[in-house]
Amino acid sequence: MSQENEVRMAQKGSKDAFMRLIKNSELSMYRVAKSFLKSDPDCADAIQEAILKAYRTIASLREPGYFKTLL
């Protein structure tokens, strides 16, 4: 399934689709966090906050192709 379809499903409330999106983005989220933060615990906190914010705001995302930007 394409990322855009997963985003649309997540926007409709599919927690499984949201989890698949996050799972596919784990490595890139870690890389971004590590480029700003030194310790792994700080990276984990930043990633957790980003995931929570994305979960709360995914319904307002107009263009599913921009999910990684939202994240």
C-alpha atoms as a PDB file:
ATOM      1  CA  MET A   1       0.000   0.000   0.000  1.00  0.00           C
ATOM      2  CA  SER A   2       1.301   3.457  -0.815  1.00  0.00           C
ATOM      3  CA  GLN A   3       2.194   5.976   1.855  1.00  0.00           C
ATOM      4  CA  GLU A   4      -0.541   8.320   0.672  1.00  0.00           C
ATOM      5  CA  ASN A   5      -3.166   5.590   1.079  1.00  0.00           C
ATOM      6  CA  GLU A   6      -1.813   4.819   4.547  1.00  0.00           C
ATOM      7  CA  VAL A   7      -2.091   8.511   5.442  1.00  0.00           C
ATOM      8  CA  ARG A   8      -5.686   8.663   4.210  1.00  0.00           C
ATOM      9  CA  MET A   9      -6.542   5.595   6.279  1.00  0.00           C
ATOM     10  CA  ALA A  10      -4.833   7.111   9.332  1.00  0.00           C
ATOM     11  CA  GLN A  11      -6.763  10.332   8.807  1.00  0.00           C
ATOM     12  CA  LYS A  12      -9.961   8.294   8.954  1.00  0.00           C
ATOM     13  CA  GLY A  13      -8.908   6.856  12.301  1.00  0.00           C
ATOM     14  CA  SER A  14      -6.931   3.707  11.458  1.00  0.00           C
ATOM     15  CA  LYS A  15      -4.402   3.285  14.246  1.00  0.00           C
ATOM     16  CA  ASP A  16      -2.794   0.385  12.364  1.00  0.00           C
ATOM     17  CA  ALA A  17      -2.181   2.601   9.331  1.00  0.00           C
ATOM     18  CA  PHE A  18      -0.655   5.276  11.559  1.00  0.00           C
ATOM     19  CA  MET A  19       1.622   2.718  13.193  1.00  0.00           C
ATOM     20  CA  ARG A  20       2.789   1.482   9.781  1.00  0.00           C
ATOM     21  CA  LEU A  21       3.594   5.073   8.791  1.00  0.00           C
ATOM     22  CA  ILE A  22       5.619   5.554  11.966  1.00  0.00           C
ATOM     23  CA  LYS A  23       7.388   2.211  11.562  1.00  0.00           C
ATOM     24  CA  ASN A  24       8.424   3.182   8.030  1.00  0.00           C
ATOM     25  CA  SER A  25       9.739   6.532   9.294  1.00  0.00           C
ATOM     26  CA  GLU A  26      11.678   5.331  12.361  1.00  0.00           C
ATOM     27  CA  LEU A  27      15.148   5.506  10.863  1.00  0.00           C
ATOM     28  CA  SER A  28      14.724   8.925   9.306  1.00  0.00           C
ATOM     29  CA  MET A  29      13.237  10.312  12.547  1.00  0.00           C
ATOM     30  CA  TYR A  30      16.218   8.969  14.484  1.00  0.00           C
ATOM     31  CA  ARG A  31      18.689  10.465  12.015  1.00  0.00           C
ATOM     32  CA  VAL A  32      17.070  13.890  12.217  1.00  0.00           C
ATOM     33  CA  ALA A  33      16.904  13.776  16.011  1.00  0.00           C
ATOM     34  CA  LYS A  34      20.526  12.613  16.269  1.00  0.00           C
ATOM     35  CA  SER A  35      21.682  15.486  14.051  1.00  0.00           C
ATOM     36  CA  PHE A  36      20.363  17.935  16.672  1.00  0.00           C
ATOM     37  CA  LEU A  37      20.710  16.008  19.923  1.00  0.00           C
ATOM     38  CA  LYS A  38      23.658  14.158  21.416  1.00  0.00           C
ATOM     39  CA  SER A  39      22.145  11.489  23.643  1.00  0.00           C
ATOM     40  CA  ASP A  40      19.893   8.639  22.616  1.00  0.00           C
ATOM     41  CA  PRO A  41      17.430   9.275  25.482  1.00  0.00           C
ATOM     42  CA  ASP A  42      16.997  12.859  24.257  1.00  0.00           C
ATOM     43  CA  CYS A  43      16.469  11.531  20.721  1.00  0.00           C
ATOM     44  CA  ALA A  44      13.842   9.103  21.988  1.00  0.00           C
ATOM     45  CA  ASP A  45      12.005  11.914  23.796  1.00  0.00           C
ATOM     46  CA  ALA A  46      12.060  14.124  20.696  1.00  0.00           C
ATOM     47  CA  ILE A  47      10.809  11.292  18.490  1.00  0.00           C
ATOM     48  CA  GLN A  48       8.040  10.480  20.950  1.00  0.00           C
ATOM     49  CA  GLU A  49       6.907  14.115  20.987  1.00  0.00           C
ATOM     50  CA  ALA A  50       6.951  14.248  17.172  1.00  0.00           C
ATOM     51  CA  ILE A  51       4.865  11.078  16.919  1.00  0.00           C
ATOM     52  CA  LEU A  52       2.330  12.377  19.427  1.00  0.00           C
ATOM     53  CA  LYS A  53       2.031  15.704  17.626  1.00  0.00           C
ATOM     54  CA  ALA A  54       1.635  13.950  14.262  1.00  0.00           C
ATOM     55  CA  TYR A  55      -1.070  11.683  15.698  1.00  0.00           C
ATOM     56  CA  ARG A  56      -2.992  14.671  17.020  1.00  0.00           C
ATOM     57  CA  THR A  57      -2.738  16.684  13.802  1.00  0.00           C
ATOM     58  CA  ILE A  58      -2.836  14.108  10.987  1.00  0.00           C
ATOM     59  CA  ALA A  59      -6.541  14.714  10.388  1.00  0.00           C
ATOM     60  CA  SER A  60      -5.792  18.328   9.421  1.00  0.00           C
ATOM     61  CA  LEU A  61      -3.107  17.380   6.876  1.00  0.00           C
ATOM     62  CA  ARG A  62      -4.438  18.533   3.504  1.00  0.00           C
ATOM     63  CA  GLU A  63      -1.960  16.756   1.246  1.00  0.00           C
ATOM     64  CA  PRO A  64      -1.147  13.145   2.226  1.00  0.00           C
ATOM     65  CA  GLY A  65       2.141  13.357   0.316  1.00  0.00           C
ATOM     66  CA  TYR A  66       3.446  15.760   2.960  1.00  0.00           C
ATOM     67  CA  PHE A  67       3.190  13.347   5.886  1.00  0.00           C
ATOM     68  CA  LYS A  68       6.969  13.229   6.420  1.00  0.00           C
ATOM     69  CA  THR A  69       7.007  17.023   6.526  1.00  0.00           C
ATOM     70  CA  LEU A  70       4.305  16.939   9.193  1.00  0.00           C
ATOM     71  CA  LEU A  71       6.264  14.340  11.107  1.00  0.00           C
END
